[in-house]
Amino acid sequence: MVTYRVHYVCVACRQSHKLPWDEAEHLCTRCRAPMLFAGHDFAAPRRTKDRHWTAVEAVLRAGLRYEGFETCGCGQEPKYRPRTSAQVRARRRVAAREGLTEAEALALRDPADACPPRG
């Protein structure tokens, strides 16, 4: 039987670990707080990148996960996640204006960020 390993994140300590995907509660090795499940395709930013960690925290607190980050043409739809705190703020403004939930707004892709057509 295969045990899949996925990313768990402690935003306060700015660290992530690949741990078995199970129902157990995984604790941070530094602060002993429960770690958040980030998904299969999470890529942790550097510890010094405050704007990026703010975006990671907003995404995970909204209940979203980092899944399906594949290159275009693979058959999986790439899922957008904001990378900086400025992108998070912009999507929160859209949520307030359009009446969307925070999770829906954070998953919105900018038209400028869309993948170019293949052909």
N, C-alpha and C. Protein backbone atom coordinates (compact mmCIF):
# COMPACT_ATOMS: atom_id res chain seq x y z
N MET A 1 0.85 -1.17 0.00
CA MET A 1 0.00 0.00 0.00
C MET A 1 0.90 1.24 0.00
N VAL A 2 0.51 2.24 -0.77
CA VAL A 2 1.28 3.47 -0.91
C VAL A 2 0.76 4.51 0.07
N THR A 3 1.66 5.15 0.79
CA THR A 3 1.31 6.26 1.68
C THR A 3 1.78 7.54 1.01
N TYR A 4 0.83 8.38 0.62
CA TYR A 4 1.17 9.63 -0.03
C TYR A 4 1.62 10.66 0.99
N ARG A 5 2.61 11.44 0.59
CA ARG A 5 3.10 12.52 1.45
C ARG A 5 2.67 13.84 0.83
N VAL A 6 2.14 14.70 1.67
CA VAL A 6 1.66 16.01 1.22
C VAL A 6 2.27 17.09 2.10
N HIS A 7 2.07 18.31 1.70
CA HIS A 7 2.66 19.44 2.41
C HIS A 7 1.77 19.90 3.56
N TYR A 8 2.39 20.09 4.71
CA TYR A 8 1.76 20.72 5.87
C TYR A 8 2.58 21.95 6.21
N VAL A 9 1.91 23.03 6.62
CA VAL A 9 2.57 24.32 6.80
C VAL A 9 2.28 24.89 8.18
N CYS A 10 3.31 25.47 8.80
CA CYS A 10 3.14 26.30 9.98
C CYS A 10 3.47 27.73 9.54
N VAL A 11 2.45 28.55 9.41
CA VAL A 11 2.65 29.91 8.91
C VAL A 11 3.41 30.75 9.93
N ALA A 12 3.15 30.55 11.23
CA ALA A 12 3.81 31.34 12.27
C ALA A 12 5.33 31.12 12.24
N CYS A 13 5.76 29.88 12.03
CA CYS A 13 7.19 29.56 12.00
C CYS A 13 7.77 29.62 10.59
N ARG A 14 6.90 29.76 9.60
CA ARG A 14 7.31 29.81 8.20
C ARG A 14 8.10 28.58 7.79
N GLN A 15 7.52 27.44 8.07
CA GLN A 15 8.16 26.22 7.60
C GLN A 15 7.10 25.24 7.12
N SER A 16 7.52 24.36 6.22
CA SER A 16 6.62 23.34 5.70
C SER A 16 7.34 22.01 5.72
N HIS A 17 6.55 20.95 5.80
CA HIS A 17 7.08 19.59 5.82
C HIS A 17 6.19 18.72 4.95
N LYS A 18 6.78 17.73 4.29
CA LYS A 18 6.00 16.72 3.60
C LYS A 18 5.81 15.57 4.57
N LEU A 19 4.56 15.32 4.91
CA LEU A 19 4.22 14.30 5.89
C LEU A 19 3.17 13.37 5.31
N PRO A 20 2.98 12.21 5.90
CA PRO A 20 1.97 11.28 5.38
C PRO A 20 0.57 11.91 5.39
N TRP A 21 -0.17 11.57 4.35
CA TRP A 21 -1.53 12.07 4.21
C TRP A 21 -2.45 11.15 4.99
N ASP A 22 -2.77 11.53 6.20
CA ASP A 22 -3.61 10.71 7.07
C ASP A 22 -4.49 11.62 7.92
N GLU A 23 -5.24 11.05 8.78
CA GLU A 23 -6.17 11.82 9.62
C GLU A 23 -5.50 12.35 10.89
N ALA A 24 -4.23 12.05 11.09
CA ALA A 24 -3.53 12.48 12.30
C ALA A 24 -3.28 13.99 12.28
N GLU A 25 -3.21 14.56 13.46
CA GLU A 25 -2.87 15.98 13.58
C GLU A 25 -1.35 16.09 13.60
N HIS A 26 -0.81 16.86 12.67
CA HIS A 26 0.63 17.03 12.58
C HIS A 26 1.01 18.34 13.27
N LEU A 27 1.97 18.27 14.17
CA LEU A 27 2.38 19.44 14.94
C LEU A 27 3.68 20.00 14.39
N CYS A 28 3.81 21.32 14.47
CA CYS A 28 5.03 22.01 14.05
C CYS A 28 6.19 21.55 14.94
N THR A 29 7.34 21.37 14.34
CA THR A 29 8.50 20.93 15.10
C THR A 29 9.09 22.04 15.96
N ARG A 30 8.76 23.29 15.67
CA ARG A 30 9.30 24.40 16.46
C ARG A 30 8.35 24.86 17.55
N CYS A 31 7.09 25.16 17.18
CA CYS A 31 6.16 25.75 18.15
C CYS A 31 5.12 24.76 18.68
N ARG A 32 5.07 23.57 18.13
CA ARG A 32 4.15 22.51 18.53
C ARG A 32 2.68 22.85 18.28
N ALA A 33 2.40 23.83 17.43
CA ALA A 33 1.04 24.17 17.03
C ALA A 33 0.62 23.25 15.88
N PRO A 34 -0.67 23.01 15.72
CA PRO A 34 -1.11 22.18 14.58
C PRO A 34 -0.76 22.83 13.25
N MET A 35 -0.24 22.02 12.34
CA MET A 35 0.12 22.52 11.01
C MET A 35 -1.10 22.45 10.10
N LEU A 36 -1.15 23.34 9.10
CA LEU A 36 -2.25 23.39 8.15
C LEU A 36 -1.93 22.54 6.93
N PHE A 37 -2.92 21.80 6.45
CA PHE A 37 -2.76 21.00 5.24
C PHE A 37 -2.73 21.94 4.05
N ALA A 38 -1.64 21.92 3.27
CA ALA A 38 -1.48 22.84 2.14
C ALA A 38 -1.72 22.19 0.79
N GLY A 39 -1.75 20.89 0.72
CA GLY A 39 -2.01 20.23 -0.55
C GLY A 39 -0.78 19.55 -1.12
N HIS A 40 -0.96 18.99 -2.31
CA HIS A 40 0.11 18.23 -2.96
C HIS A 40 1.16 19.13 -3.63
N ASP A 41 0.73 20.28 -4.13
CA ASP A 41 1.59 21.09 -5.00
C ASP A 41 2.03 22.41 -4.38
N PHE A 42 2.16 22.45 -3.08
CA PHE A 42 2.59 23.67 -2.39
C PHE A 42 4.10 23.86 -2.56
N ALA A 43 4.49 25.08 -2.83
CA ALA A 43 5.91 25.45 -2.89
C ALA A 43 6.12 26.57 -1.88
N ALA A 44 6.84 26.29 -0.83
CA ALA A 44 7.02 27.27 0.25
C ALA A 44 7.91 28.42 -0.21
N PRO A 45 7.48 29.66 0.09
CA PRO A 45 8.35 30.80 -0.20
C PRO A 45 9.51 30.86 0.81
N ARG A 46 10.49 31.65 0.50
CA ARG A 46 11.59 31.85 1.45
C ARG A 46 11.06 32.48 2.73
N ARG A 47 11.72 32.19 3.82
CA ARG A 47 11.26 32.70 5.12
C ARG A 47 11.25 34.22 5.20
N THR A 48 12.10 34.88 4.43
CA THR A 48 12.21 36.34 4.49
C THR A 48 11.16 37.05 3.64
N LYS A 49 10.38 36.32 2.88
CA LYS A 49 9.39 36.93 1.98
C LYS A 49 8.05 37.12 2.70
N ASP A 50 7.93 38.23 3.41
CA ASP A 50 6.73 38.51 4.21
C ASP A 50 5.46 38.56 3.36
N ARG A 51 5.53 39.24 2.20
CA ARG A 51 4.34 39.37 1.35
C ARG A 51 3.83 38.02 0.88
N HIS A 52 4.74 37.11 0.58
CA HIS A 52 4.35 35.79 0.09
C HIS A 52 3.73 34.94 1.20
N TRP A 53 4.30 35.02 2.40
CA TRP A 53 3.75 34.25 3.52
C TRP A 53 2.38 34.78 3.94
N THR A 54 2.16 36.08 3.79
CA THR A 54 0.84 36.65 4.06
C THR A 54 -0.19 36.07 3.10
N ALA A 55 0.19 35.93 1.84
CA ALA A 55 -0.71 35.34 0.85
C ALA A 55 -0.96 33.87 1.15
N VAL A 56 0.07 33.12 1.54
CA VAL A 56 -0.10 31.71 1.88
C VAL A 56 -1.07 31.56 3.04
N GLU A 57 -0.92 32.40 4.06
CA GLU A 57 -1.82 32.34 5.21
C GLU A 57 -3.26 32.63 4.81
N ALA A 58 -3.47 33.65 3.97
CA ALA A 58 -4.82 34.00 3.54
C ALA A 58 -5.47 32.85 2.76
N VAL A 59 -4.70 32.23 1.89
CA VAL A 59 -5.22 31.12 1.08
C VAL A 59 -5.61 29.95 1.97
N LEU A 60 -4.73 29.57 2.88
CA LEU A 60 -5.00 28.41 3.73
C LEU A 60 -6.13 28.69 4.73
N ARG A 61 -6.21 29.89 5.28
CA ARG A 61 -7.28 30.24 6.22
C ARG A 61 -8.64 30.29 5.52
N ALA A 62 -8.63 30.57 4.20
CA ALA A 62 -9.89 30.60 3.44
C ALA A 62 -10.36 29.19 3.08
N GLY A 63 -9.54 28.19 3.40
CA GLY A 63 -9.93 26.81 3.12
C GLY A 63 -9.48 26.29 1.78
N LEU A 64 -8.68 27.06 1.05
CA LEU A 64 -8.17 26.62 -0.24
C LEU A 64 -6.89 25.82 -0.05
N ARG A 65 -6.56 25.01 -1.03
CA ARG A 65 -5.33 24.21 -1.01
C ARG A 65 -4.57 24.43 -2.30
N TYR A 66 -3.32 24.10 -2.28
CA TYR A 66 -2.47 24.21 -3.46
C TYR A 66 -2.50 22.86 -4.18
N GLU A 67 -3.40 22.76 -5.15
CA GLU A 67 -3.59 21.54 -5.92
C GLU A 67 -3.64 21.87 -7.40
N GLY A 68 -3.12 20.99 -8.23
CA GLY A 68 -3.29 21.11 -9.67
C GLY A 68 -2.43 22.15 -10.35
N PHE A 69 -1.28 22.49 -9.79
CA PHE A 69 -0.39 23.41 -10.46
C PHE A 69 0.42 22.65 -11.51
N GLU A 70 -0.19 22.41 -12.64
CA GLU A 70 0.48 21.72 -13.74
C GLU A 70 0.59 22.68 -14.91
N THR A 71 1.54 22.42 -15.78
CA THR A 71 1.67 23.27 -16.96
C THR A 71 0.49 23.05 -17.87
N CYS A 72 0.17 24.01 -18.67
CA CYS A 72 -0.99 23.93 -19.55
C CYS A 72 -0.83 22.80 -20.56
N GLY A 73 -1.93 22.18 -20.90
CA GLY A 73 -1.92 21.11 -21.87
C GLY A 73 -1.83 19.73 -21.25
N CYS A 74 -1.83 19.64 -19.94
CA CYS A 74 -1.67 18.35 -19.26
C CYS A 74 -3.01 17.70 -18.96
N GLY A 75 -4.09 18.40 -19.18
CA GLY A 75 -5.39 17.84 -18.87
C GLY A 75 -5.92 18.27 -17.51
N GLN A 76 -5.09 18.85 -16.67
CA GLN A 76 -5.54 19.36 -15.38
C GLN A 76 -5.66 20.87 -15.47
N GLU A 77 -6.73 21.39 -14.91
CA GLU A 77 -6.91 22.83 -14.91
C GLU A 77 -6.02 23.46 -13.85
N PRO A 78 -5.10 24.36 -14.25
CA PRO A 78 -4.27 25.01 -13.24
C PRO A 78 -5.13 25.88 -12.33
N LYS A 79 -4.94 25.78 -11.05
CA LYS A 79 -5.72 26.55 -10.10
C LYS A 79 -4.89 27.75 -9.64
N TYR A 80 -5.51 28.91 -9.73
CA TYR A 80 -4.82 30.14 -9.36
C TYR A 80 -4.83 30.32 -7.84
N ARG A 81 -3.72 30.75 -7.30
CA ARG A 81 -3.61 31.18 -5.91
C ARG A 81 -2.78 32.46 -5.89
N PRO A 82 -3.21 33.48 -5.14
CA PRO A 82 -2.42 34.71 -5.08
C PRO A 82 -1.05 34.45 -4.47
N ARG A 83 -0.05 35.20 -4.92
CA ARG A 83 1.31 34.99 -4.45
C ARG A 83 1.79 36.09 -3.51
N THR A 84 1.15 37.26 -3.54
CA THR A 84 1.59 38.36 -2.68
C THR A 84 0.40 38.93 -1.90
N SER A 85 0.71 39.70 -0.88
CA SER A 85 -0.34 40.31 -0.07
C SER A 85 -1.12 41.34 -0.89
N ALA A 86 -0.49 41.98 -1.87
CA ALA A 86 -1.21 42.94 -2.71
C ALA A 86 -2.28 42.24 -3.54
N GLN A 87 -1.99 41.06 -4.05
CA GLN A 87 -2.98 40.29 -4.80
C GLN A 87 -4.11 39.85 -3.88
N VAL A 88 -3.80 39.52 -2.65
CA VAL A 88 -4.84 39.13 -1.69
C VAL A 88 -5.76 40.32 -1.41
N ARG A 89 -5.18 41.50 -1.17
CA ARG A 89 -5.98 42.70 -0.90
C ARG A 89 -6.89 43.02 -2.09
N ALA A 90 -6.36 42.92 -3.31
CA ALA A 90 -7.16 43.21 -4.50
C ALA A 90 -8.34 42.25 -4.61
N ARG A 91 -8.12 40.99 -4.32
CA ARG A 91 -9.21 40.01 -4.41
C ARG A 91 -10.21 40.19 -3.28
N ARG A 92 -9.78 40.64 -2.14
CA ARG A 92 -10.72 40.92 -1.05
C ARG A 92 -11.61 42.11 -1.40
N ARG A 93 -11.06 43.11 -2.10
CA ARG A 93 -11.87 44.24 -2.56
C ARG A 93 -12.92 43.76 -3.57
N VAL A 94 -12.51 42.87 -4.47
CA VAL A 94 -13.45 42.31 -5.45
C VAL A 94 -14.54 41.53 -4.73
N ALA A 95 -14.18 40.76 -3.71
CA ALA A 95 -15.17 39.98 -2.95
C ALA A 95 -16.20 40.90 -2.31
N ALA A 96 -15.74 42.00 -1.72
CA ALA A 96 -16.66 42.94 -1.08
C ALA A 96 -17.57 43.60 -2.11
N ARG A 97 -17.02 43.95 -3.26
CA ARG A 97 -17.79 44.63 -4.30
C ARG A 97 -18.78 43.70 -4.99
N GLU A 98 -18.37 42.48 -5.26
CA GLU A 98 -19.18 41.54 -6.04
C GLU A 98 -20.03 40.61 -5.17
N GLY A 99 -19.82 40.61 -3.86
CA GLY A 99 -20.58 39.75 -2.98
C GLY A 99 -20.11 38.30 -3.00
N LEU A 100 -18.85 38.08 -3.26
CA LEU A 100 -18.27 36.73 -3.29
C LEU A 100 -17.73 36.37 -1.92
N THR A 101 -17.58 35.08 -1.68
CA THR A 101 -16.89 34.65 -0.47
C THR A 101 -15.40 34.89 -0.66
N GLU A 102 -14.67 34.89 0.44
CA GLU A 102 -13.22 35.11 0.33
C GLU A 102 -12.54 34.00 -0.47
N ALA A 103 -12.97 32.76 -0.27
CA ALA A 103 -12.38 31.64 -1.01
C ALA A 103 -12.62 31.78 -2.51
N GLU A 104 -13.83 32.19 -2.90
CA GLU A 104 -14.12 32.38 -4.32
C GLU A 104 -13.26 33.49 -4.91
N ALA A 105 -13.11 34.57 -4.17
CA ALA A 105 -12.33 35.71 -4.66
C ALA A 105 -10.85 35.36 -4.76
N LEU A 106 -10.31 34.63 -3.78
CA LEU A 106 -8.90 34.28 -3.81
C LEU A 106 -8.57 33.30 -4.94
N ALA A 107 -9.56 32.57 -5.42
CA ALA A 107 -9.33 31.62 -6.50
C ALA A 107 -9.50 32.26 -7.88
N LEU A 108 -9.90 33.53 -7.95
CA LEU A 108 -10.08 34.19 -9.24
C LEU A 108 -8.73 34.44 -9.92
N ARG A 109 -8.68 34.13 -11.18
CA ARG A 109 -7.47 34.37 -11.97
C ARG A 109 -7.61 35.71 -12.69
N ASP A 110 -6.53 36.47 -12.74
CA ASP A 110 -6.51 37.71 -13.51
C ASP A 110 -6.50 37.38 -14.99
N PRO A 111 -7.22 38.15 -15.81
CA PRO A 111 -7.16 37.91 -17.25
C PRO A 111 -5.74 38.07 -17.80
N ALA A 112 -4.94 38.95 -17.21
CA ALA A 112 -3.57 39.15 -17.68
C ALA A 112 -2.68 37.96 -17.35
N ASP A 113 -3.05 37.16 -16.32
CA ASP A 113 -2.25 36.01 -15.93
C ASP A 113 -2.63 34.73 -16.67
N ALA A 114 -3.64 34.82 -17.52
CA ALA A 114 -4.12 33.61 -18.21
C ALA A 114 -3.05 33.05 -19.13
N CYS A 115 -3.11 31.76 -19.32
CA CYS A 115 -2.13 31.08 -20.17
C CYS A 115 -2.34 31.48 -21.63
N PRO A 116 -1.27 31.66 -22.39
CA PRO A 116 -1.43 32.03 -23.80
C PRO A 116 -2.02 30.85 -24.57
N PRO A 117 -2.75 31.15 -25.65
CA PRO A 117 -3.32 30.06 -26.43
C PRO A 117 -2.22 29.24 -27.10
N ARG A 118 -2.48 27.95 -27.17
CA ARG A 118 -1.49 27.05 -27.79
C ARG A 118 -1.87 26.88 -29.25
N GLY A 119 -0.86 26.69 -30.07
CA GLY A 119 -1.21 26.43 -31.45
C GLY A 119 -0.22 26.84 -32.42
